[in-house]
Amino acid sequence: MITTEIAPGILHETPEDMQNAISADSGLLLKWNALTPIQRNEWICWVTIVKKDETRTEHIARMIADLTAGKRKPCCWPGCPHRRPEAKKWFKQMKA
């Protein structure tokens, strides 16, 4: 049975622009749903934490390319600072 449901992350909701990109390609949807919830969460956070719309668009394009190539998490990403407090040091806007 083919699913069209987009599996969620553990902390972040999958935003509409990411849902549209993922659901546009059935192979990408299968790869997305095969990720662990933590891996999906890392992709969602990596895409949504940026400030500029242009950067977000670039992150979505890179996410598509990386997932298509078989990568399971964003490269060079310290991790979701919302889930891992020790990763907050890498994000100026999150420092207390």
PDB file of N, CA and C in Angstrom:
ATOM      1  N   MET A   1       0.832  -1.181   0.000  1.00  0.00           N
ATOM      2  CA  MET A   1       0.000   0.000   0.000  1.00  0.00           C
ATOM      3  C   MET A   1       0.883   1.253   0.000  1.00  0.00           C
ATOM      4  N   ILE A   2       0.584   2.189  -0.858  1.00  0.00           N
ATOM      5  CA  ILE A   2       1.344   3.426  -0.961  1.00  0.00           C
ATOM      6  C   ILE A   2       0.720   4.468  -0.040  1.00  0.00           C
ATOM      7  N   THR A   3       1.557   5.081   0.779  1.00  0.00           N
ATOM      8  CA  THR A   3       1.069   6.102   1.694  1.00  0.00           C
ATOM      9  C   THR A   3       1.385   7.492   1.158  1.00  0.00           C
ATOM     10  N   THR A   4       0.500   8.411   1.441  1.00  0.00           N
ATOM     11  CA  THR A   4       0.750   9.806   1.080  1.00  0.00           C
ATOM     12  C   THR A   4       0.919  10.645   2.336  1.00  0.00           C
ATOM     13  N   GLU A   5       0.860   9.987   3.485  1.00  0.00           N
ATOM     14  CA  GLU A   5       1.020  10.678   4.757  1.00  0.00           C
ATOM     15  C   GLU A   5       2.490  10.987   5.000  1.00  0.00           C
ATOM     16  N   ILE A   6       2.755  12.188   5.476  1.00  0.00           N
ATOM     17  CA  ILE A   6       4.117  12.611   5.781  1.00  0.00           C
ATOM     18  C   ILE A   6       4.347  12.403   7.277  1.00  0.00           C
ATOM     19  N   ALA A   7       5.296  11.528   7.585  1.00  0.00           N
ATOM     20  CA  ALA A   7       5.588  11.220   8.983  1.00  0.00           C
ATOM     21  C   ALA A   7       6.164  12.458   9.678  1.00  0.00           C
ATOM     22  N   PRO A   8       5.811  12.664  10.957  1.00  0.00           N
ATOM     23  CA  PRO A   8       6.264  13.855  11.689  1.00  0.00           C
ATOM     24  C   PRO A   8       7.639  13.678  12.324  1.00  0.00           C
ATOM     25  N   GLY A   9       8.167  14.791  12.819  1.00  0.00           N
ATOM     26  CA  GLY A   9       9.365  14.759  13.653  1.00  0.00           C
ATOM     27  C   GLY A   9       8.929  14.513  15.089  1.00  0.00           C
ATOM     28  N   ILE A  10       9.865  14.593  16.030  1.00  0.00           N
ATOM     29  CA  ILE A  10       9.501  14.358  17.424  1.00  0.00           C
ATOM     30  C   ILE A  10       9.145  15.635  18.169  1.00  0.00           C
ATOM     31  N   LEU A  11       9.612  16.760  17.659  1.00  0.00           N
ATOM     32  CA  LEU A  11       9.375  18.017  18.350  1.00  0.00           C
ATOM     33  C   LEU A  11       8.726  19.045  17.430  1.00  0.00           C
ATOM     34  N   HIS A  12       9.234  19.148  16.216  1.00  0.00           N
ATOM     35  CA  HIS A  12       8.749  20.142  15.272  1.00  0.00           C
ATOM     36  C   HIS A  12       7.693  19.568  14.333  1.00  0.00           C
ATOM     37  N   GLU A  13       6.722  20.401  13.972  1.00  0.00           N
ATOM     38  CA  GLU A  13       5.746  20.056  12.950  1.00  0.00           C
ATOM     39  C   GLU A  13       6.379  20.295  11.586  1.00  0.00           C
ATOM     40  N   THR A  14       6.037  19.486  10.626  1.00  0.00           N
ATOM     41  CA  THR A  14       6.545  19.676   9.271  1.00  0.00           C
ATOM     42  C   THR A  14       5.776  20.825   8.629  1.00  0.00           C
ATOM     43  N   PRO A  15       6.459  21.929   8.286  1.00  0.00           N
ATOM     44  CA  PRO A  15       5.766  23.079   7.709  1.00  0.00           C
ATOM     45  C   PRO A  15       5.257  22.782   6.292  1.00  0.00           C
ATOM     46  N   GLU A  16       4.315  23.590   5.861  1.00  0.00           N
ATOM     47  CA  GLU A  16       3.642  23.361   4.585  1.00  0.00           C
ATOM     48  C   GLU A  16       4.601  23.353   3.397  1.00  0.00           C
ATOM     49  N   ASP A  17       5.577  24.260   3.369  1.00  0.00           N
ATOM     50  CA  ASP A  17       6.496  24.284   2.230  1.00  0.00           C
ATOM     51  C   ASP A  17       7.324  23.005   2.148  1.00  0.00           C
ATOM     52  N   MET A  18       7.694  22.448   3.292  1.00  0.00           N
ATOM     53  CA  MET A  18       8.415  21.175   3.292  1.00  0.00           C
ATOM     54  C   MET A  18       7.489  20.036   2.898  1.00  0.00           C
ATOM     55  N   GLN A  19       6.265  20.057   3.391  1.00  0.00           N
ATOM     56  CA  GLN A  19       5.299  19.025   3.025  1.00  0.00           C
ATOM     57  C   GLN A  19       5.076  19.001   1.518  1.00  0.00           C
ATOM     58  N   ASN A  20       4.953  20.183   0.925  1.00  0.00           N
ATOM     59  CA  ASN A  20       4.745  20.264  -0.519  1.00  0.00           C
ATOM     60  C   ASN A  20       5.932  19.680  -1.278  1.00  0.00           C
ATOM     61  N   ALA A  21       7.140  19.996  -0.830  1.00  0.00           N
ATOM     62  CA  ALA A  21       8.342  19.488  -1.492  1.00  0.00           C
ATOM     63  C   ALA A  21       8.447  17.970  -1.355  1.00  0.00           C
ATOM     64  N   ILE A  22       8.165  17.471  -0.178  1.00  0.00           N
ATOM     65  CA  ILE A  22       8.269  16.024   0.076  1.00  0.00           C
ATOM     66  C   ILE A  22       7.205  15.258  -0.688  1.00  0.00           C
ATOM     67  N   SER A  23       5.978  15.747  -0.665  1.00  0.00           N
ATOM     68  CA  SER A  23       4.879  15.016  -1.301  1.00  0.00           C
ATOM     69  C   SER A  23       4.894  15.120  -2.822  1.00  0.00           C
ATOM     70  N   ALA A  24       5.711  16.026  -3.385  1.00  0.00           N
ATOM     71  CA  ALA A  24       5.782  16.179  -4.842  1.00  0.00           C
ATOM     72  C   ALA A  24       6.504  15.005  -5.507  1.00  0.00           C
ATOM     73  N   ASP A  25       7.232  14.218  -4.727  1.00  0.00           N
ATOM     74  CA  ASP A  25       8.016  13.110  -5.274  1.00  0.00           C
ATOM     75  C   ASP A  25       7.773  11.881  -4.401  1.00  0.00           C
ATOM     76  N   SER A  26       7.154  10.850  -4.971  1.00  0.00           N
ATOM     77  CA  SER A  26       6.803   9.666  -4.173  1.00  0.00           C
ATOM     78  C   SER A  26       8.042   8.965  -3.629  1.00  0.00           C
ATOM     79  N   GLY A  27       9.150   8.985  -4.372  1.00  0.00           N
ATOM     80  CA  GLY A  27      10.391   8.383  -3.883  1.00  0.00           C
ATOM     81  C   GLY A  27      10.942   9.140  -2.686  1.00  0.00           C
ATOM     82  N   LEU A  28      10.857  10.463  -2.752  1.00  0.00           N
ATOM     83  CA  LEU A  28      11.310  11.295  -1.639  1.00  0.00           C
ATOM     84  C   LEU A  28      10.426  11.069  -0.418  1.00  0.00           C
ATOM     85  N   LEU A  29       9.137  10.941  -0.634  1.00  0.00           N
ATOM     86  CA  LEU A  29       8.212  10.675   0.473  1.00  0.00           C
ATOM     87  C   LEU A  29       8.561   9.354   1.162  1.00  0.00           C
ATOM     88  N   LEU A  30       8.882   8.334   0.379  1.00  0.00           N
ATOM     89  CA  LEU A  30       9.277   7.049   0.971  1.00  0.00           C
ATOM     90  C   LEU A  30      10.552   7.193   1.796  1.00  0.00           C
ATOM     91  N   LYS A  31      11.519   7.945   1.271  1.00  0.00           N
ATOM     92  CA  LYS A  31      12.770   8.154   2.012  1.00  0.00           C
ATOM     93  C   LYS A  31      12.528   8.957   3.284  1.00  0.00           C
ATOM     94  N   TRP A  32      11.677   9.984   3.208  1.00  0.00           N
ATOM     95  CA  TRP A  32      11.342  10.796   4.377  1.00  0.00           C
ATOM     96  C   TRP A  32      10.705   9.923   5.456  1.00  0.00           C
ATOM     97  N   ASN A  33       9.742   9.133   5.066  1.00  0.00           N
ATOM     98  CA  ASN A  33       9.025   8.306   6.039  1.00  0.00           C
ATOM     99  C   ASN A  33       9.893   7.182   6.601  1.00  0.00           C
ATOM    100  N   ALA A  34      10.981   6.839   5.899  1.00  0.00           N
ATOM    101  CA  ALA A  34      11.903   5.811   6.393  1.00  0.00           C
ATOM    102  C   ALA A  34      12.881   6.366   7.426  1.00  0.00           C
ATOM    103  N   LEU A  35      12.985   7.678   7.531  1.00  0.00           N
ATOM    104  CA  LEU A  35      13.850   8.284   8.543  1.00  0.00           C
ATOM    105  C   LEU A  35      13.267   8.047   9.928  1.00  0.00           C
ATOM    106  N   THR A  36      14.119   8.110  10.941  1.00  0.00           N
ATOM    107  CA  THR A  36      13.623   8.039  12.303  1.00  0.00           C
ATOM    108  C   THR A  36      12.960   9.379  12.638  1.00  0.00           C
ATOM    109  N   PRO A  37      12.094   9.416  13.641  1.00  0.00           N
ATOM    110  CA  PRO A  37      11.497  10.694  14.031  1.00  0.00           C
ATOM    111  C   PRO A  37      12.540  11.749  14.397  1.00  0.00           C
ATOM    112  N   ILE A  38      13.634  11.341  15.025  1.00  0.00           N
ATOM    113  CA  ILE A  38      14.693  12.304  15.377  1.00  0.00           C
ATOM    114  C   ILE A  38      15.350  12.840  14.115  1.00  0.00           C
ATOM    115  N   GLN A  39      15.622  11.983  13.135  1.00  0.00           N
ATOM    116  CA  GLN A  39      16.222  12.450  11.882  1.00  0.00           C
ATOM    117  C   GLN A  39      15.279  13.434  11.162  1.00  0.00           C
ATOM    118  N   ARG A  40      13.988  13.119  11.124  1.00  0.00           N
ATOM    119  CA  ARG A  40      13.029  14.048  10.503  1.00  0.00           C
ATOM    120  C   ARG A  40      13.024  15.368  11.260  1.00  0.00           C
ATOM    121  N   ASN A  41      13.076  15.303  12.578  1.00  0.00           N
ATOM    122  CA  ASN A  41      13.110  16.516  13.395  1.00  0.00           C
ATOM    123  C   ASN A  41      14.324  17.377  13.055  1.00  0.00           C
ATOM    124  N   GLU A  42      15.473  16.741  12.861  1.00  0.00           N
ATOM    125  CA  GLU A  42      16.692  17.485  12.522  1.00  0.00           C
ATOM    126  C   GLU A  42      16.530  18.208  11.190  1.00  0.00           C
ATOM    127  N   TRP A  43      15.961  17.552  10.183  1.00  0.00           N
ATOM    128  CA  TRP A  43      15.725  18.205   8.890  1.00  0.00           C
ATOM    129  C   TRP A  43      14.762  19.379   9.042  1.00  0.00           C
ATOM    130  N   ILE A  44      13.682  19.173   9.778  1.00  0.00           N
ATOM    131  CA  ILE A  44      12.691  20.246   9.953  1.00  0.00           C
ATOM    132  C   ILE A  44      13.341  21.443  10.626  1.00  0.00           C
ATOM    133  N   CYS A  45      14.069  21.214  11.693  1.00  0.00           N
ATOM    134  CA  CYS A  45      14.715  22.310  12.417  1.00  0.00           C
ATOM    135  C   CYS A  45      15.745  22.991  11.537  1.00  0.00           C
ATOM    136  N   TRP A  46      16.535  22.211  10.805  1.00  0.00           N
ATOM    137  CA  TRP A  46      17.573  22.771   9.937  1.00  0.00           C
ATOM    138  C   TRP A  46      16.975  23.694   8.876  1.00  0.00           C
ATOM    139  N   VAL A  47      15.815  23.326   8.355  1.00  0.00           N
ATOM    140  CA  VAL A  47      15.157  24.155   7.342  1.00  0.00           C
ATOM    141  C   VAL A  47      14.517  25.391   7.974  1.00  0.00           C
ATOM    142  N   THR A  48      13.896  25.235   9.121  1.00  0.00           N
ATOM    143  CA  THR A  48      13.079  26.321   9.679  1.00  0.00           C
ATOM    144  C   THR A  48      13.829  27.311  10.562  1.00  0.00           C
ATOM    145  N   ILE A  49      15.025  26.989  11.005  1.00  0.00           N
ATOM    146  CA  ILE A  49      15.716  27.871  11.942  1.00  0.00           C
ATOM    147  C   ILE A  49      16.346  29.088  11.254  1.00  0.00           C
ATOM    148  N   VAL A  50      16.466  29.059   9.951  1.00  0.00           N
ATOM    149  CA  VAL A  50      17.098  30.173   9.228  1.00  0.00           C
ATOM    150  C   VAL A  50      16.189  31.403   9.228  1.00  0.00           C
ATOM    151  N   LYS A  51      16.792  32.576   9.026  1.00  0.00           N
ATOM    152  CA  LYS A  51      16.035  33.829   9.085  1.00  0.00           C
ATOM    153  C   LYS A  51      15.465  34.254   7.735  1.00  0.00           C
ATOM    154  N   LYS A  52      16.217  34.056   6.662  1.00  0.00           N
ATOM    155  CA  LYS A  52      15.813  34.560   5.353  1.00  0.00           C
ATOM    156  C   LYS A  52      15.036  33.519   4.549  1.00  0.00           C
ATOM    157  N   ASP A  53      14.030  33.984   3.816  1.00  0.00           N
ATOM    158  CA  ASP A  53      13.248  33.101   2.951  1.00  0.00           C
ATOM    159  C   ASP A  53      14.124  32.443   1.891  1.00  0.00           C
ATOM    160  N   GLU A  54      15.100  33.202   1.357  1.00  0.00           N
ATOM    161  CA  GLU A  54      15.976  32.649   0.327  1.00  0.00           C
ATOM    162  C   GLU A  54      16.792  31.479   0.881  1.00  0.00           C
ATOM    163  N   THR A  55      17.263  31.637   2.104  1.00  0.00           N
ATOM    164  CA  THR A  55      18.049  30.567   2.724  1.00  0.00           C
ATOM    165  C   THR A  55      17.174  29.356   2.983  1.00  0.00           C
ATOM    166  N   ARG A  56      15.960  29.589   3.401  1.00  0.00           N
ATOM    167  CA  ARG A  56      15.027  28.476   3.645  1.00  0.00           C
ATOM    168  C   ARG A  56      14.766  27.721   2.347  1.00  0.00           C
ATOM    169  N   THR A  57      14.578  28.446   1.251  1.00  0.00           N
ATOM    170  CA  THR A  57      14.367  27.810  -0.046  1.00  0.00           C
ATOM    171  C   THR A  57      15.586  26.979  -0.440  1.00  0.00           C
ATOM    172  N   GLU A  58      16.780  27.520  -0.188  1.00  0.00           N
ATOM    173  CA  GLU A  58      18.012  26.781  -0.468  1.00  0.00           C
ATOM    174  C   GLU A  58      18.105  25.526   0.401  1.00  0.00           C
ATOM    175  N   HIS A  59      17.710  25.628   1.649  1.00  0.00           N
ATOM    176  CA  HIS A  59      17.760  24.472   2.545  1.00  0.00           C
ATOM    177  C   HIS A  59      16.784  23.386   2.088  1.00  0.00           C
ATOM    178  N   ILE A  60      15.621  23.783   1.636  1.00  0.00           N
ATOM    179  CA  ILE A  60      14.660  22.784   1.143  1.00  0.00           C
ATOM    180  C   ILE A  60      15.224  22.092  -0.097  1.00  0.00           C
ATOM    181  N   ALA A  61      15.820  22.858  -1.010  1.00  0.00           N
ATOM    182  CA  ALA A  61      16.417  22.264  -2.212  1.00  0.00           C
ATOM    183  C   ALA A  61      17.542  21.300  -1.836  1.00  0.00           C
ATOM    184  N   ARG A  62      18.370  21.701  -0.869  1.00  0.00           N
ATOM    185  CA  ARG A  62      19.459  20.815  -0.444  1.00  0.00           C
ATOM    186  C   ARG A  62      18.915  19.586   0.277  1.00  0.00           C
ATOM    187  N   MET A  63      17.853  19.749   1.058  1.00  0.00           N
ATOM    188  CA  MET A  63      17.238  18.615   1.735  1.00  0.00           C
ATOM    189  C   MET A  63      16.770  17.590   0.698  1.00  0.00           C
ATOM    190  N   ILE A  64      16.120  18.069  -0.355  1.00  0.00           N
ATOM    191  CA  ILE A  64      15.635  17.178  -1.410  1.00  0.00           C
ATOM    192  C   ILE A  64      16.807  16.433  -2.044  1.00  0.00           C
ATOM    193  N   ALA A  65      17.852  17.160  -2.388  1.00  0.00           N
ATOM    194  CA  ALA A  65      19.025  16.541  -3.020  1.00  0.00           C
ATOM    195  C   ALA A  65      19.698  15.539  -2.087  1.00  0.00           C
ATOM    196  N   ASP A  66      19.874  15.916  -0.838  1.00  0.00           N
ATOM    197  CA  ASP A  66      20.548  15.036   0.121  1.00  0.00           C
ATOM    198  C   ASP A  66      19.732  13.784   0.412  1.00  0.00           C
ATOM    199  N   LEU A  67      18.432  13.938   0.623  1.00  0.00           N
ATOM    200  CA  LEU A  67      17.590  12.764   0.867  1.00  0.00           C
ATOM    201  C   LEU A  67      17.558  11.849  -0.351  1.00  0.00           C
ATOM    202  N   THR A  68      17.491  12.439  -1.529  1.00  0.00           N
ATOM    203  CA  THR A  68      17.499  11.656  -2.760  1.00  0.00           C
ATOM    204  C   THR A  68      18.802  10.867  -2.894  1.00  0.00           C
ATOM    205  N   ALA A  69      19.891  11.474  -2.434  1.00  0.00           N
ATOM    206  CA  ALA A  69      21.205  10.816  -2.477  1.00  0.00           C
ATOM    207  C   ALA A  69      21.394   9.798  -1.351  1.00  0.00           C
ATOM    208  N   GLY A  70      20.426   9.694  -0.464  1.00  0.00           N
ATOM    209  CA  GLY A  70      20.500   8.705   0.606  1.00  0.00           C
ATOM    210  C   GLY A  70      20.996   9.228   1.938  1.00  0.00           C
ATOM    211  N   LYS A  71      21.240  10.519   2.036  1.00  0.00           N
ATOM    212  CA  LYS A  71      21.682  11.072   3.314  1.00  0.00           C
ATOM    213  C   LYS A  71      20.495  11.123   4.275  1.00  0.00           C
ATOM    214  N   ARG A  72      20.765  10.902   5.548  1.00  0.00           N
ATOM    215  CA  ARG A  72      19.688  10.785   6.521  1.00  0.00           C
ATOM    216  C   ARG A  72      19.592  11.971   7.480  1.00  0.00           C
ATOM    217  N   LYS A  73      20.588  12.863   7.452  1.00  0.00           N
ATOM    218  CA  LYS A  73      20.539  14.044   8.315  1.00  0.00           C
ATOM    219  C   LYS A  73      21.342  15.168   7.676  1.00  0.00           C
ATOM    220  N   PRO A  74      21.089  16.407   8.082  1.00  0.00           N
ATOM    221  CA  PRO A  74      21.829  17.529   7.510  1.00  0.00           C
ATOM    222  C   PRO A  74      23.313  17.440   7.872  1.00  0.00           C
ATOM    223  N   CYS A  75      24.147  17.661   6.893  1.00  0.00           N
ATOM    224  CA  CYS A  75      25.595  17.632   7.109  1.00  0.00           C
ATOM    225  C   CYS A  75      26.029  18.871   7.901  1.00  0.00           C
ATOM    226  N   CYS A  76      26.985  18.680   8.753  1.00  0.00           N
ATOM    227  CA  CYS A  76      27.595  19.786   9.506  1.00  0.00           C
ATOM    228  C   CYS A  76      26.577  20.542  10.357  1.00  0.00           C
ATOM    229  N   TRP A  77      25.614  19.867  10.895  1.00  0.00           N
ATOM    230  CA  TRP A  77      24.540  20.447  11.694  1.00  0.00           C
ATOM    231  C   TRP A  77      24.757  20.032  13.142  1.00  0.00           C
ATOM    232  N   PRO A  78      24.873  20.977  14.064  1.00  0.00           N
ATOM    233  CA  PRO A  78      25.145  20.616  15.463  1.00  0.00           C
ATOM    234  C   PRO A  78      23.967  19.943  16.160  1.00  0.00           C
ATOM    235  N   GLY A  79      22.825  19.934  15.522  1.00  0.00           N
ATOM    236  CA  GLY A  79      21.645  19.307  16.101  1.00  0.00           C
ATOM    237  C   GLY A  79      20.611  20.335  16.490  1.00  0.00           C
ATOM    238  N   CYS A  80      19.406  19.887  16.651  1.00  0.00           N
ATOM    239  CA  CYS A  80      18.284  20.762  16.979  1.00  0.00           C
ATOM    240  C   CYS A  80      18.500  21.395  18.360  1.00  0.00           C
ATOM    241  N   PRO A  81      18.647  22.712  18.419  1.00  0.00           N
ATOM    242  CA  PRO A  81      18.866  23.361  19.712  1.00  0.00           C
ATOM    243  C   PRO A  81      17.617  23.347  20.588  1.00  0.00           C
ATOM    244  N   HIS A  82      16.486  23.057  19.995  1.00  0.00           N
ATOM    245  CA  HIS A  82      15.246  22.969  20.772  1.00  0.00           C
ATOM    246  C   HIS A  82      15.161  21.633  21.515  1.00  0.00           C
ATOM    247  N   ARG A  83      15.848  20.633  20.989  1.00  0.00           N
ATOM    248  CA  ARG A  83      15.844  19.297  21.562  1.00  0.00           C
ATOM    249  C   ARG A  83      17.124  19.026  22.348  1.00  0.00           C
ATOM    250  N   ARG A  84      18.228  19.643  21.924  1.00  0.00           N
ATOM    251  CA  ARG A  84      19.528  19.416  22.557  1.00  0.00           C
ATOM    252  C   ARG A  84      20.052  20.736  23.107  1.00  0.00           C
ATOM    253  N   PRO A  85      19.896  21.007  24.378  1.00  0.00           N
ATOM    254  CA  PRO A  85      20.346  22.275  24.950  1.00  0.00           C
ATOM    255  C   PRO A  85      21.811  22.594  24.670  1.00  0.00           C
ATOM    256  N   GLU A  86      22.666  21.582  24.599  1.00  0.00           N
ATOM    257  CA  GLU A  86      24.085  21.845  24.347  1.00  0.00           C
ATOM    258  C   GLU A  86      24.345  22.368  22.932  1.00  0.00           C
ATOM    259  N   ALA A  87      23.401  22.217  22.018  1.00  0.00           N
ATOM    260  CA  ALA A  87      23.560  22.744  20.654  1.00  0.00           C
ATOM    261  C   ALA A  87      23.237  24.239  20.573  1.00  0.00           C
ATOM    262  N   LYS A  88      22.630  24.795  21.602  1.00  0.00           N
ATOM    263  CA  LYS A  88      22.243  26.215  21.578  1.00  0.00           C
ATOM    264  C   LYS A  88      23.435  27.145  21.415  1.00  0.00           C
ATOM    265  N   LYS A  89      24.614  26.717  21.829  1.00  0.00           N
ATOM    266  CA  LYS A  89      25.786  27.585  21.732  1.00  0.00           C
ATOM    267  C   LYS A  89      26.111  27.951  20.283  1.00  0.00           C
ATOM    268  N   TRP A  90      25.612  27.208  19.338  1.00  0.00           N
ATOM    269  CA  TRP A  90      25.879  27.463  17.912  1.00  0.00           C
ATOM    270  C   TRP A  90      24.883  28.442  17.300  1.00  0.00           C
ATOM    271  N   PHE A  91      23.882  28.856  18.038  1.00  0.00           N
ATOM    272  CA  PHE A  91      22.821  29.705  17.501  1.00  0.00           C
ATOM    273  C   PHE A  91      22.727  30.985  18.309  1.00  0.00           C
ATOM    274  N   LYS A  92      23.205  32.081  17.731  1.00  0.00           N
ATOM    275  CA  LYS A  92      23.241  33.360  18.434  1.00  0.00           C
ATOM    276  C   LYS A  92      21.856  33.785  18.918  1.00  0.00           C
ATOM    277  N   GLN A  93      20.839  33.606  18.088  1.00  0.00           N
ATOM    278  CA  GLN A  93      19.508  34.076  18.457  1.00  0.00           C
ATOM    279  C   GLN A  93      18.911  33.293  19.623  1.00  0.00           C
ATOM    280  N   MET A  94      19.516  32.166  19.997  1.00  0.00           N
ATOM    281  CA  MET A  94      18.965  31.350  21.078  1.00  0.00           C
ATOM    282  C   MET A  94      19.723  31.520  22.383  1.00  0.00           C
ATOM    283  N   LYS A  95      20.831  32.252  22.375  1.00  0.00           N
ATOM    284  CA  LYS A  95      21.610  32.411  23.606  1.00  0.00           C
ATOM    285  C   LYS A  95      20.864  33.287  24.590  1.00  0.00           C
ATOM    286  N   ALA A  96      20.982  32.949  25.840  1.00  0.00           N
ATOM    287  CA  ALA A  96      20.282  33.708  26.887  1.00  0.00           C
ATOM    288  C   ALA A  96      20.938  35.039  27.123  1.00  0.00           C
TER     289      ALA A  96
END
